[in-house]
Amino acid sequence: MTDTVENPAPHRLEPVEDRALEALFTAARTANTFAPIPVSDEHLTEIWELARWAPTGANTQPLRVVFVRTESGRNRLVAHMNDGNKAKTASAPAAAILAVDTRFHDHMGTLLPFKPELGPLYESNEAVRSATAQLNAALQAGYFILAVRARGLAAGPMSGFDAAALDADFFPDGQWRSLLVVNIGYPGQNPWFERLPRLEHTECLRWE
């Protein structure tokens, strides 16, 4: 006699409510000014706690975050922003420097324990390692912005900064490399620019 293992019933995934869709996508906007309301370290930690669960290729998880919320840290960060972005970051109660860990593969034994050989594979192939890090960190950056919105805060993502100078200041050992700066807080006065157009379905979708 042999034991049989029954396949469990498939999980049924319920769609989220319209209010959540609006908060994350359809009504969400990039904030350009922020109210002088503090954002606690606990609130920032909750953002990461959400973002870290989203998927990456081979569970590589190369994104790293520096939360900047002190006056001295903000002044350092503002100095590296493009002129058009300085006031935005200066007004934000918190900002996050999203960075790529170029040594992400050192953690593959923990992150993918059934296939630890991926670590040495990435170590031996710089092109594959770099492409993997950039793609998956960019994915995580998108998840991070959604996590900010999900926690009831506004996000102001920006790529307009002197990356070389910022990295030399915040990441002098060279292992982390900046990808994006995200201002975080509650919307201030006139926080939104006019919403820009999106392409129609006919421009973006194909059906086979």
C-alpha atoms as a PDB file:
ATOM      1  CA  MET A   1       0.000   0.000   0.000  1.00  0.00           C
ATOM      2  CA  THR A   2       1.349   3.414  -0.923  1.00  0.00           C
ATOM      3  CA  ASP A   3       0.476   6.768   0.465  1.00  0.00           C
ATOM      4  CA  THR A   4      -0.961   9.285  -1.929  1.00  0.00           C
ATOM      5  CA  VAL A   5      -0.601  12.998  -1.668  1.00  0.00           C
ATOM      6  CA  GLU A   6      -3.568  14.962  -2.811  1.00  0.00           C
ATOM      7  CA  ASN A   7      -2.922  18.178  -4.672  1.00  0.00           C
ATOM      8  CA  PRO A   8      -4.250  21.076  -2.648  1.00  0.00           C
ATOM      9  CA  ALA A   9      -7.067  23.118  -4.103  1.00  0.00           C
ATOM     10  CA  PRO A  10      -5.753  26.060  -6.118  1.00  0.00           C
ATOM     11  CA  HIS A  11      -5.657  29.347  -4.321  1.00  0.00           C
ATOM     12  CA  ARG A  12      -8.242  31.850  -5.375  1.00  0.00           C
ATOM     13  CA  LEU A  13      -6.809  35.340  -5.688  1.00  0.00           C
ATOM     14  CA  GLU A  14      -9.250  38.127  -5.013  1.00  0.00           C
ATOM     15  CA  PRO A  15      -8.826  41.487  -6.794  1.00  0.00           C
ATOM     16  CA  VAL A  16      -8.075  44.449  -4.576  1.00  0.00           C
ATOM     17  CA  GLU A  17     -10.678  47.141  -4.033  1.00  0.00           C
ATOM     18  CA  ASP A  18     -10.974  50.137  -6.342  1.00  0.00           C
ATOM     19  CA  ARG A  19      -9.645  52.380  -3.575  1.00  0.00           C
ATOM     20  CA  ALA A  20      -6.391  50.426  -3.536  1.00  0.00           C
ATOM     21  CA  LEU A  21      -6.107  50.593  -7.323  1.00  0.00           C
ATOM     22  CA  GLU A  22      -6.538  54.363  -7.170  1.00  0.00           C
ATOM     23  CA  ALA A  23      -3.940  54.730  -4.403  1.00  0.00           C
ATOM     24  CA  LEU A  24      -1.380  52.632  -6.251  1.00  0.00           C
ATOM     25  CA  PHE A  25      -2.078  53.425  -9.903  1.00  0.00           C
ATOM     26  CA  THR A  26      -4.926  55.412 -11.392  1.00  0.00           C
ATOM     27  CA  ALA A  27      -5.116  58.345  -8.957  1.00  0.00           C
ATOM     28  CA  ALA A  28      -1.522  58.278  -7.712  1.00  0.00           C
ATOM     29  CA  ARG A  29       0.734  61.149  -8.714  1.00  0.00           C
ATOM     30  CA  THR A  30       4.382  62.088  -8.398  1.00  0.00           C
ATOM     31  CA  ALA A  31       4.685  64.670  -5.608  1.00  0.00           C
ATOM     32  CA  ASN A  32       6.794  67.772  -6.200  1.00  0.00           C
ATOM     33  CA  THR A  33       6.224  69.537  -2.881  1.00  0.00           C
ATOM     34  CA  PHE A  34       5.812  68.114   0.610  1.00  0.00           C
ATOM     35  CA  ALA A  35       4.100  69.190   3.813  1.00  0.00           C
ATOM     36  CA  PRO A  36       6.295  69.742   6.897  1.00  0.00           C
ATOM     37  CA  ILE A  37       4.972  66.582   8.535  1.00  0.00           C
ATOM     38  CA  PRO A  38       7.600  64.116   9.800  1.00  0.00           C
ATOM     39  CA  VAL A  39       7.808  60.568   8.487  1.00  0.00           C
ATOM     40  CA  SER A  40       8.943  58.205  11.215  1.00  0.00           C
ATOM     41  CA  ASP A  41      11.669  55.597  10.910  1.00  0.00           C
ATOM     42  CA  GLU A  42       8.995  53.008  11.675  1.00  0.00           C
ATOM     43  CA  HIS A  43       6.946  54.223   8.707  1.00  0.00           C
ATOM     44  CA  LEU A  44       9.982  53.986   6.434  1.00  0.00           C
ATOM     45  CA  THR A  45      10.737  50.484   7.687  1.00  0.00           C
ATOM     46  CA  GLU A  46       7.155  49.474   6.880  1.00  0.00           C
ATOM     47  CA  ILE A  47       7.721  50.626   3.296  1.00  0.00           C
ATOM     48  CA  TRP A  48      10.708  48.332   2.924  1.00  0.00           C
ATOM     49  CA  GLU A  49       8.879  45.493   4.636  1.00  0.00           C
ATOM     50  CA  LEU A  50       6.313  45.613   1.832  1.00  0.00           C
ATOM     51  CA  ALA A  51       8.726  46.162  -1.038  1.00  0.00           C
ATOM     52  CA  ARG A  52      11.100  43.335  -0.138  1.00  0.00           C
ATOM     53  CA  TRP A  53       8.521  40.619  -0.779  1.00  0.00           C
ATOM     54  CA  ALA A  54       8.037  41.355  -4.477  1.00  0.00           C
ATOM     55  CA  PRO A  55       9.681  38.985  -6.977  1.00  0.00           C
ATOM     56  CA  THR A  56      13.097  39.271  -8.611  1.00  0.00           C
ATOM     57  CA  GLY A  57      14.875  36.933 -11.022  1.00  0.00           C
ATOM     58  CA  ALA A  58      16.367  33.981  -9.117  1.00  0.00           C
ATOM     59  CA  ASN A  59      15.491  35.908  -5.942  1.00  0.00           C
ATOM     60  CA  THR A  60      18.609  38.030  -6.439  1.00  0.00           C
ATOM     61  CA  GLN A  61      17.235  41.115  -4.595  1.00  0.00           C
ATOM     62  CA  PRO A  62      20.056  43.534  -5.555  1.00  0.00           C
ATOM     63  CA  LEU A  63      18.317  46.739  -4.389  1.00  0.00           C
ATOM     64  CA  ARG A  64      19.678  48.553  -1.336  1.00  0.00           C
ATOM     65  CA  VAL A  65      18.171  51.642   0.306  1.00  0.00           C
ATOM     66  CA  VAL A  66      19.598  54.552   2.249  1.00  0.00           C
ATOM     67  CA  PHE A  67      16.862  56.503   4.037  1.00  0.00           C
ATOM     68  CA  VAL A  68      17.887  60.138   4.370  1.00  0.00           C
ATOM     69  CA  ARG A  69      15.882  61.983   7.041  1.00  0.00           C
ATOM     70  CA  THR A  70      18.327  64.112   9.065  1.00  0.00           C
ATOM     71  CA  GLU A  71      19.090  67.713   8.165  1.00  0.00           C
ATOM     72  CA  SER A  72      22.763  66.973   7.554  1.00  0.00           C
ATOM     73  CA  GLY A  73      21.980  63.978   5.366  1.00  0.00           C
ATOM     74  CA  ARG A  74      19.401  65.945   3.385  1.00  0.00           C
ATOM     75  CA  ASN A  75      21.852  68.790   2.805  1.00  0.00           C
ATOM     76  CA  ARG A  76      24.411  66.325   1.462  1.00  0.00           C
ATOM     77  CA  LEU A  77      21.841  64.760  -0.827  1.00  0.00           C
ATOM     78  CA  VAL A  78      20.445  68.075  -2.079  1.00  0.00           C
ATOM     79  CA  ALA A  79      23.959  69.130  -3.104  1.00  0.00           C
ATOM     80  CA  HIS A  80      24.036  66.274  -5.638  1.00  0.00           C
ATOM     81  CA  MET A  81      20.577  66.836  -7.118  1.00  0.00           C
ATOM     82  CA  ASN A  82      20.076  68.679 -10.409  1.00  0.00           C
ATOM     83  CA  ASP A  83      19.037  72.300  -9.951  1.00  0.00           C
ATOM     84  CA  GLY A  84      15.429  71.572 -10.873  1.00  0.00           C
ATOM     85  CA  ASN A  85      15.202  68.869  -8.207  1.00  0.00           C
ATOM     86  CA  LYS A  86      16.979  70.546  -5.285  1.00  0.00           C
ATOM     87  CA  ALA A  87      13.886  72.264  -3.856  1.00  0.00           C
ATOM     88  CA  LYS A  88      11.841  69.069  -4.122  1.00  0.00           C
ATOM     89  CA  THR A  89      14.322  67.054  -2.085  1.00  0.00           C
ATOM     90  CA  ALA A  90      14.886  69.910   0.352  1.00  0.00           C
ATOM     91  CA  SER A  91      11.147  70.024   1.139  1.00  0.00           C
ATOM     92  CA  ALA A  92      10.727  66.270   1.619  1.00  0.00           C
ATOM     93  CA  PRO A  93      10.745  65.029   5.224  1.00  0.00           C
ATOM     94  CA  ALA A  94      12.497  61.882   4.021  1.00  0.00           C
ATOM     95  CA  ALA A  95      14.204  60.642   0.899  1.00  0.00           C
ATOM     96  CA  ALA A  96      15.442  57.257  -0.174  1.00  0.00           C
ATOM     97  CA  ILE A  97      18.551  56.633  -2.226  1.00  0.00           C
ATOM     98  CA  LEU A  98      17.865  53.430  -4.133  1.00  0.00           C
ATOM     99  CA  ALA A  99      21.098  51.684  -5.022  1.00  0.00           C
ATOM    100  CA  VAL A 100      22.320  48.542  -6.747  1.00  0.00           C
ATOM    101  CA  ASP A 101      24.529  46.235  -4.700  1.00  0.00           C
ATOM    102  CA  THR A 102      27.227  45.103  -7.144  1.00  0.00           C
ATOM    103  CA  ARG A 103      28.016  42.219  -4.775  1.00  0.00           C
ATOM    104  CA  PHE A 104      24.419  40.980  -4.597  1.00  0.00           C
ATOM    105  CA  HIS A 105      25.601  37.533  -5.629  1.00  0.00           C
ATOM    106  CA  ASP A 106      27.454  37.066  -2.333  1.00  0.00           C
ATOM    107  CA  HIS A 107      24.047  36.317  -0.796  1.00  0.00           C
ATOM    108  CA  MET A 108      22.871  33.681  -3.269  1.00  0.00           C
ATOM    109  CA  GLY A 109      23.526  30.851  -0.799  1.00  0.00           C
ATOM    110  CA  THR A 110      20.943  32.456   1.488  1.00  0.00           C
ATOM    111  CA  LEU A 111      18.520  33.745  -1.121  1.00  0.00           C
ATOM    112  CA  LEU A 112      18.476  30.675  -3.349  1.00  0.00           C
ATOM    113  CA  PRO A 113      19.688  27.858  -1.068  1.00  0.00           C
ATOM    114  CA  PHE A 114      18.799  25.085  -3.517  1.00  0.00           C
ATOM    115  CA  LYS A 115      21.063  26.614  -6.165  1.00  0.00           C
ATOM    116  CA  PRO A 116      24.038  28.262  -4.426  1.00  0.00           C
ATOM    117  CA  GLU A 117      26.218  27.747  -7.496  1.00  0.00           C
ATOM    118  CA  LEU A 118      24.641  30.865  -8.992  1.00  0.00           C
ATOM    119  CA  GLY A 119      26.880  32.961  -6.754  1.00  0.00           C
ATOM    120  CA  PRO A 120      30.130  31.775  -8.367  1.00  0.00           C
ATOM    121  CA  LEU A 121      28.473  31.922 -11.782  1.00  0.00           C
ATOM    122  CA  TYR A 122      27.657  35.616 -11.363  1.00  0.00           C
ATOM    123  CA  GLU A 123      31.125  36.209  -9.950  1.00  0.00           C
ATOM    124  CA  SER A 124      32.735  34.771 -13.075  1.00  0.00           C
ATOM    125  CA  ASN A 125      30.637  36.697 -15.609  1.00  0.00           C
ATOM    126  CA  GLU A 126      30.631  40.462 -15.157  1.00  0.00           C
ATOM    127  CA  ALA A 127      28.271  41.149 -18.063  1.00  0.00           C
ATOM    128  CA  VAL A 128      25.603  38.768 -16.768  1.00  0.00           C
ATOM    129  CA  ARG A 129      26.113  39.990 -13.210  1.00  0.00           C
ATOM    130  CA  SER A 130      25.724  43.646 -14.173  1.00  0.00           C
ATOM    131  CA  ALA A 131      22.681  43.076 -16.386  1.00  0.00           C
ATOM    132  CA  THR A 132      21.017  40.973 -13.684  1.00  0.00           C
ATOM    133  CA  ALA A 133      21.656  43.608 -11.032  1.00  0.00           C
ATOM    134  CA  GLN A 134      20.364  46.520 -13.117  1.00  0.00           C
ATOM    135  CA  LEU A 135      17.198  44.781 -14.308  1.00  0.00           C
ATOM    136  CA  ASN A 136      16.175  43.411 -10.934  1.00  0.00           C
ATOM    137  CA  ALA A 137      17.068  46.551  -8.980  1.00  0.00           C
ATOM    138  CA  ALA A 138      14.906  48.531 -11.422  1.00  0.00           C
ATOM    139  CA  LEU A 139      12.048  46.092 -10.798  1.00  0.00           C
ATOM    140  CA  GLN A 140      12.483  46.563  -7.069  1.00  0.00           C
ATOM    141  CA  ALA A 141      12.536  50.336  -7.468  1.00  0.00           C
ATOM    142  CA  GLY A 142       9.062  50.126  -9.013  1.00  0.00           C
ATOM    143  CA  TYR A 143       7.880  47.945  -6.152  1.00  0.00           C
ATOM    144  CA  PHE A 144       9.350  50.435  -3.698  1.00  0.00           C
ATOM    145  CA  ILE A 145       7.354  53.326  -5.161  1.00  0.00           C
ATOM    146  CA  LEU A 146       4.167  51.277  -4.926  1.00  0.00           C
ATOM    147  CA  ALA A 147       5.011  50.424  -1.313  1.00  0.00           C
ATOM    148  CA  VAL A 148       5.372  54.125  -0.492  1.00  0.00           C
ATOM    149  CA  ARG A 149       1.926  54.757  -1.946  1.00  0.00           C
ATOM    150  CA  ALA A 150       0.452  51.726  -0.188  1.00  0.00           C
ATOM    151  CA  ARG A 151       1.558  53.150   3.171  1.00  0.00           C
ATOM    152  CA  GLY A 152      -0.397  56.367   2.520  1.00  0.00           C
ATOM    153  CA  LEU A 153       2.548  58.533   1.496  1.00  0.00           C
ATOM    154  CA  ALA A 154       3.456  60.349  -1.694  1.00  0.00           C
ATOM    155  CA  ALA A 155       6.540  59.418  -3.693  1.00  0.00           C
ATOM    156  CA  GLY A 156       8.669  61.703  -5.832  1.00  0.00           C
ATOM    157  CA  PRO A 157      11.063  59.482  -7.823  1.00  0.00           C
ATOM    158  CA  MET A 158      13.899  61.263  -9.636  1.00  0.00           C
ATOM    159  CA  SER A 159      16.902  60.272 -11.708  1.00  0.00           C
ATOM    160  CA  GLY A 160      18.130  63.860 -12.054  1.00  0.00           C
ATOM    161  CA  PHE A 161      21.258  63.910  -9.909  1.00  0.00           C
ATOM    162  CA  ASP A 162      25.035  63.635 -10.208  1.00  0.00           C
ATOM    163  CA  ALA A 163      25.377  59.904  -9.687  1.00  0.00           C
ATOM    164  CA  ALA A 164      29.171  59.886  -9.579  1.00  0.00           C
ATOM    165  CA  ALA A 165      29.294  62.605  -6.931  1.00  0.00           C
ATOM    166  CA  LEU A 166      26.474  61.052  -4.904  1.00  0.00           C
ATOM    167  CA  ASP A 167      28.164  57.640  -4.965  1.00  0.00           C
ATOM    168  CA  ALA A 168      31.489  59.114  -3.914  1.00  0.00           C
ATOM    169  CA  ASP A 169      29.745  60.813  -0.979  1.00  0.00           C
ATOM    170  CA  PHE A 170      27.385  58.089   0.240  1.00  0.00           C
ATOM    171  CA  PHE A 171      29.047  54.912  -1.107  1.00  0.00           C
ATOM    172  CA  PRO A 172      32.806  55.561  -1.048  1.00  0.00           C
ATOM    173  CA  ASP A 173      33.714  51.861  -1.067  1.00  0.00           C
ATOM    174  CA  GLY A 174      32.121  51.535  -4.526  1.00  0.00           C
ATOM    175  CA  GLN A 175      30.018  48.461  -3.788  1.00  0.00           C
ATOM    176  CA  TRP A 176      26.636  50.217  -3.949  1.00  0.00           C
ATOM    177  CA  ARG A 177      25.764  52.404  -6.921  1.00  0.00           C
ATOM    178  CA  SER A 178      22.880  54.855  -6.974  1.00  0.00           C
ATOM    179  CA  LEU A 179      19.931  54.136  -9.223  1.00  0.00           C
ATOM    180  CA  LEU A 180      17.147  56.494  -8.161  1.00  0.00           C
ATOM    181  CA  VAL A 181      16.263  59.041  -5.495  1.00  0.00           C
ATOM    182  CA  VAL A 182      12.724  58.917  -4.122  1.00  0.00           C
ATOM    183  CA  ASN A 183      11.366  61.803  -2.053  1.00  0.00           C
ATOM    184  CA  ILE A 184       8.856  60.591   0.535  1.00  0.00           C
ATOM    185  CA  GLY A 185       6.223  62.415   2.558  1.00  0.00           C
ATOM    186  CA  TYR A 186       2.775  63.951   2.607  1.00  0.00           C
ATOM    187  CA  PRO A 187       1.845  66.228  -0.316  1.00  0.00           C
ATOM    188  CA  GLY A 188       2.445  69.947   0.214  1.00  0.00           C
ATOM    189  CA  GLN A 189       0.979  72.968  -1.533  1.00  0.00           C
ATOM    190  CA  ASN A 190       0.273  72.501  -5.248  1.00  0.00           C
ATOM    191  CA  PRO A 191       2.105  69.173  -5.233  1.00  0.00           C
ATOM    192  CA  TRP A 192       0.998  67.857  -8.612  1.00  0.00           C
ATOM    193  CA  PHE A 193       1.925  68.854 -12.117  1.00  0.00           C
ATOM    194  CA  GLU A 194      -0.740  68.359 -14.778  1.00  0.00           C
ATOM    195  CA  ARG A 195      -1.006  64.661 -15.533  1.00  0.00           C
ATOM    196  CA  LEU A 196       0.840  63.759 -18.705  1.00  0.00           C
ATOM    197  CA  PRO A 197      -0.784  61.583 -21.395  1.00  0.00           C
ATOM    198  CA  ARG A 198      -0.475  57.823 -21.615  1.00  0.00           C
ATOM    199  CA  LEU A 199      -0.380  55.888 -24.864  1.00  0.00           C
ATOM    200  CA  GLU A 200      -3.537  54.177 -25.977  1.00  0.00           C
ATOM    201  CA  HIS A 201      -3.918  50.408 -25.870  1.00  0.00           C
ATOM    202  CA  THR A 202      -3.622  50.258 -29.640  1.00  0.00           C
ATOM    203  CA  GLU A 203      -0.086  51.658 -29.399  1.00  0.00           C
ATOM    204  CA  CYS A 204       1.102  49.287 -26.693  1.00  0.00           C
ATOM    205  CA  LEU A 205      -0.734  45.975 -26.921  1.00  0.00           C
ATOM    206  CA  ARG A 206      -0.703  43.108 -29.359  1.00  0.00           C
ATOM    207  CA  TRP A 207      -2.790  39.977 -29.150  1.00  0.00           C
ATOM    208  CA  GLU A 208      -1.813  36.595 -30.524  1.00  0.00           C
END
